[in-house]
């Protein structure tokens, strides 16, 4: 029989796990320095981070996990970012996607909202 303290601890541990599961996200980007930097920065802020260097690996991971949001690079080696965005939105319509790009404009993006903003990690 479990003691009352063990039951309370198990309940708290379960709550913490649920909290961190909600704070998970995925980064799909082929540039390793960006991937590593964003992953470290977000983990420091309490996020569980899954990473994928290609669109196909990212889509495969999304079928087994449900991180939200997804940070998606538009320039990937195996697929166009907007095509990947369309696939994500078709297969997982409630998924939030944040587009990362070095370009200063997004034309014909099928994102729910588009906001252009300078971003700096430093």
C-alpha atoms as a PDB file:
ATOM      1  CA  UNK A   1       0.000   0.000   0.000  1.00  0.00           C
ATOM      2  CA  UNK A   2       1.321   3.451  -0.930  1.00  0.00           C
ATOM      3  CA  UNK A   3       1.774   6.020   1.797  1.00  0.00           C
ATOM      4  CA  UNK A   4      -0.069   9.315   1.628  1.00  0.00           C
ATOM      5  CA  UNK A   5       3.224  11.132   0.936  1.00  0.00           C
ATOM      6  CA  UNK A   6       3.968   8.830  -2.006  1.00  0.00           C
ATOM      7  CA  UNK A   7       0.493   9.432  -3.449  1.00  0.00           C
ATOM      8  CA  UNK A   8       0.919  13.206  -3.160  1.00  0.00           C
ATOM      9  CA  UNK A   9       4.371  13.000  -4.773  1.00  0.00           C
ATOM     10  CA  UNK A  10       3.003  10.849  -7.612  1.00  0.00           C
ATOM     11  CA  UNK A  11       0.199  13.356  -8.185  1.00  0.00           C
ATOM     12  CA  UNK A  12       2.644  16.285  -8.232  1.00  0.00           C
ATOM     13  CA  UNK A  13       5.003  14.410 -10.534  1.00  0.00           C
ATOM     14  CA  UNK A  14       2.097  13.676 -12.886  1.00  0.00           C
ATOM     15  CA  UNK A  15       1.114  17.350 -12.866  1.00  0.00           C
ATOM     16  CA  UNK A  16       4.676  18.393 -13.628  1.00  0.00           C
ATOM     17  CA  UNK A  17       4.848  15.910 -16.491  1.00  0.00           C
ATOM     18  CA  UNK A  18       1.556  17.202 -17.904  1.00  0.00           C
ATOM     19  CA  UNK A  19       2.831  20.770 -17.568  1.00  0.00           C
ATOM     20  CA  UNK A  20       5.998  20.040 -19.502  1.00  0.00           C
ATOM     21  CA  UNK A  21       4.150  18.005 -22.118  1.00  0.00           C
ATOM     22  CA  UNK A  22       2.067  21.097 -22.822  1.00  0.00           C
ATOM     23  CA  UNK A  23       5.237  23.153 -23.160  1.00  0.00           C
ATOM     24  CA  UNK A  24       6.723  21.131 -25.964  1.00  0.00           C
ATOM     25  CA  UNK A  25       7.550  22.285 -29.448  1.00  0.00           C
ATOM     26  CA  UNK A  26       9.366  21.162 -32.546  1.00  0.00           C
ATOM     27  CA  UNK A  27      11.986  22.918 -34.639  1.00  0.00           C
ATOM     28  CA  UNK A  28      12.370  21.885 -38.281  1.00  0.00           C
ATOM     29  CA  UNK A  29      15.518  23.536 -39.628  1.00  0.00           C
ATOM     30  CA  UNK A  30      18.474  22.196 -41.592  1.00  0.00           C
ATOM     31  CA  UNK A  31      21.022  24.704 -40.283  1.00  0.00           C
ATOM     32  CA  UNK A  32      22.629  22.976 -37.327  1.00  0.00           C
ATOM     33  CA  UNK A  33      23.879  26.137 -35.541  1.00  0.00           C
ATOM     34  CA  UNK A  34      20.359  27.597 -35.595  1.00  0.00           C
ATOM     35  CA  UNK A  35      18.851  24.295 -34.468  1.00  0.00           C
ATOM     36  CA  UNK A  36      21.289  23.960 -31.551  1.00  0.00           C
ATOM     37  CA  UNK A  37      20.945  27.608 -30.482  1.00  0.00           C
ATOM     38  CA  UNK A  38      17.134  27.620 -30.539  1.00  0.00           C
ATOM     39  CA  UNK A  39      16.957  24.242 -28.812  1.00  0.00           C
ATOM     40  CA  UNK A  40      19.265  25.386 -25.975  1.00  0.00           C
ATOM     41  CA  UNK A  41      17.473  28.720 -25.584  1.00  0.00           C
ATOM     42  CA  UNK A  42      14.012  27.162 -25.452  1.00  0.00           C
ATOM     43  CA  UNK A  43      15.078  24.342 -23.130  1.00  0.00           C
ATOM     44  CA  UNK A  44      16.457  26.972 -20.765  1.00  0.00           C
ATOM     45  CA  UNK A  45      12.948  28.440 -20.668  1.00  0.00           C
ATOM     46  CA  UNK A  46      11.377  25.112 -19.755  1.00  0.00           C
ATOM     47  CA  UNK A  47      10.334  23.770 -23.152  1.00  0.00           C
ATOM     48  CA  UNK A  48      10.704  20.181 -24.234  1.00  0.00           C
ATOM     49  CA  UNK A  49      12.171  20.496 -27.733  1.00  0.00           C
ATOM     50  CA  UNK A  50      12.115  17.985 -30.569  1.00  0.00           C
ATOM     51  CA  UNK A  51      14.257  18.769 -33.600  1.00  0.00           C
ATOM     52  CA  UNK A  52      14.343  17.621 -37.193  1.00  0.00           C
ATOM     53  CA  UNK A  53      16.837  18.684 -39.891  1.00  0.00           C
ATOM     54  CA  UNK A  54      14.506  17.832 -42.800  1.00  0.00           C
ATOM     55  CA  UNK A  55      10.831  18.176 -43.654  1.00  0.00           C
ATOM     56  CA  UNK A  56      10.370  14.425 -43.975  1.00  0.00           C
ATOM     57  CA  UNK A  57      11.890  13.758 -40.535  1.00  0.00           C
ATOM     58  CA  UNK A  58       9.776  16.533 -39.031  1.00  0.00           C
ATOM     59  CA  UNK A  59       6.556  15.190 -40.553  1.00  0.00           C
ATOM     60  CA  UNK A  60       7.414  11.693 -39.352  1.00  0.00           C
ATOM     61  CA  UNK A  61       7.997  12.966 -35.798  1.00  0.00           C
ATOM     62  CA  UNK A  62       4.741  14.926 -35.865  1.00  0.00           C
ATOM     63  CA  UNK A  63       2.852  11.681 -36.449  1.00  0.00           C
ATOM     64  CA  UNK A  64       4.174  10.216 -33.190  1.00  0.00           C
ATOM     65  CA  UNK A  65       4.310  13.371 -31.048  1.00  0.00           C
ATOM     66  CA  UNK A  66       2.119  16.425 -30.788  1.00  0.00           C
ATOM     67  CA  UNK A  67       4.383  19.339 -29.975  1.00  0.00           C
ATOM     68  CA  UNK A  68       2.883  22.732 -30.566  1.00  0.00           C
ATOM     69  CA  UNK A  69       3.977  25.037 -31.944  1.00  0.00           C
ATOM     70  CA  UNK A  70       6.285  23.982 -34.760  1.00  0.00           C
ATOM     71  CA  UNK A  71       9.061  26.366 -35.764  1.00  0.00           C
ATOM     72  CA  UNK A  72       9.477  25.726 -39.482  1.00  0.00           C
ATOM     73  CA  UNK A  73      12.311  26.931 -41.696  1.00  0.00           C
ATOM     74  CA  UNK A  74      11.198  27.775 -45.234  1.00  0.00           C
ATOM     75  CA  UNK A  75      14.419  26.571 -46.844  1.00  0.00           C
ATOM     76  CA  UNK A  76      14.794  22.836 -46.301  1.00  0.00           C
ATOM     77  CA  UNK A  77      16.918  20.416 -48.335  1.00  0.00           C
ATOM     78  CA  UNK A  78      14.149  17.919 -49.087  1.00  0.00           C
ATOM     79  CA  UNK A  79      11.049  20.107 -49.491  1.00  0.00           C
ATOM     80  CA  UNK A  80       9.847  23.663 -49.787  1.00  0.00           C
ATOM     81  CA  UNK A  81       8.836  25.121 -46.443  1.00  0.00           C
ATOM     82  CA  UNK A  82       5.418  26.239 -47.698  1.00  0.00           C
ATOM     83  CA  UNK A  83       4.706  22.743 -49.049  1.00  0.00           C
ATOM     84  CA  UNK A  84       5.647  21.367 -45.638  1.00  0.00           C
ATOM     85  CA  UNK A  85       3.400  23.959 -43.993  1.00  0.00           C
ATOM     86  CA  UNK A  86       0.497  22.852 -46.223  1.00  0.00           C
ATOM     87  CA  UNK A  87       1.099  19.195 -45.297  1.00  0.00           C
ATOM     88  CA  UNK A  88       1.213  20.002 -41.590  1.00  0.00           C
ATOM     89  CA  UNK A  89      -1.995  22.053 -41.796  1.00  0.00           C
ATOM     90  CA  UNK A  90      -3.726  19.311 -43.827  1.00  0.00           C
ATOM     91  CA  UNK A  91      -2.708  16.466 -41.514  1.00  0.00           C
ATOM     92  CA  UNK A  92      -2.857  18.447 -38.245  1.00  0.00           C
ATOM     93  CA  UNK A  93      -5.208  21.403 -38.784  1.00  0.00           C
ATOM     94  CA  UNK A  94      -5.002  22.592 -35.160  1.00  0.00           C
ATOM     95  CA  UNK A  95      -1.191  22.701 -35.138  1.00  0.00           C
ATOM     96  CA  UNK A  96       0.329  26.149 -34.667  1.00  0.00           C
ATOM     97  CA  UNK A  97       3.272  26.855 -36.968  1.00  0.00           C
ATOM     98  CA  UNK A  98       5.802  29.656 -36.702  1.00  0.00           C
ATOM     99  CA  UNK A  99       7.717  30.208 -39.921  1.00  0.00           C
ATOM    100  CA  UNK A 100      11.436  30.960 -39.769  1.00  0.00           C
ATOM    101  CA  UNK A 101      13.071  32.483 -42.807  1.00  0.00           C
ATOM    102  CA  UNK A 102      16.010  34.631 -43.779  1.00  0.00           C
ATOM    103  CA  UNK A 103      13.835  36.334 -46.418  1.00  0.00           C
ATOM    104  CA  UNK A 104      12.103  39.597 -45.616  1.00  0.00           C
ATOM    105  CA  UNK A 105       8.777  38.787 -47.291  1.00  0.00           C
ATOM    106  CA  UNK A 106       6.284  35.957 -47.342  1.00  0.00           C
ATOM    107  CA  UNK A 107       4.013  35.887 -50.368  1.00  0.00           C
ATOM    108  CA  UNK A 108       1.248  33.315 -50.732  1.00  0.00           C
ATOM    109  CA  UNK A 109       1.976  31.752 -47.347  1.00  0.00           C
ATOM    110  CA  UNK A 110      -0.887  29.633 -46.117  1.00  0.00           C
ATOM    111  CA  UNK A 111      -0.254  30.598 -42.518  1.00  0.00           C
ATOM    112  CA  UNK A 112      -3.113  31.747 -40.320  1.00  0.00           C
ATOM    113  CA  UNK A 113      -1.346  34.994 -39.482  1.00  0.00           C
ATOM    114  CA  UNK A 114       1.790  36.486 -40.919  1.00  0.00           C
ATOM    115  CA  UNK A 115       3.854  38.890 -38.894  1.00  0.00           C
ATOM    116  CA  UNK A 116       7.223  40.050 -40.137  1.00  0.00           C
ATOM    117  CA  UNK A 117       9.546  40.854 -37.311  1.00  0.00           C
ATOM    118  CA  UNK A 118      13.259  41.180 -36.783  1.00  0.00           C
ATOM    119  CA  UNK A 119      14.538  38.576 -34.389  1.00  0.00           C
ATOM    120  CA  UNK A 120      17.761  38.434 -32.490  1.00  0.00           C
ATOM    121  CA  UNK A 121      18.960  35.857 -29.986  1.00  0.00           C
ATOM    122  CA  UNK A 122      21.652  38.160 -28.603  1.00  0.00           C
END
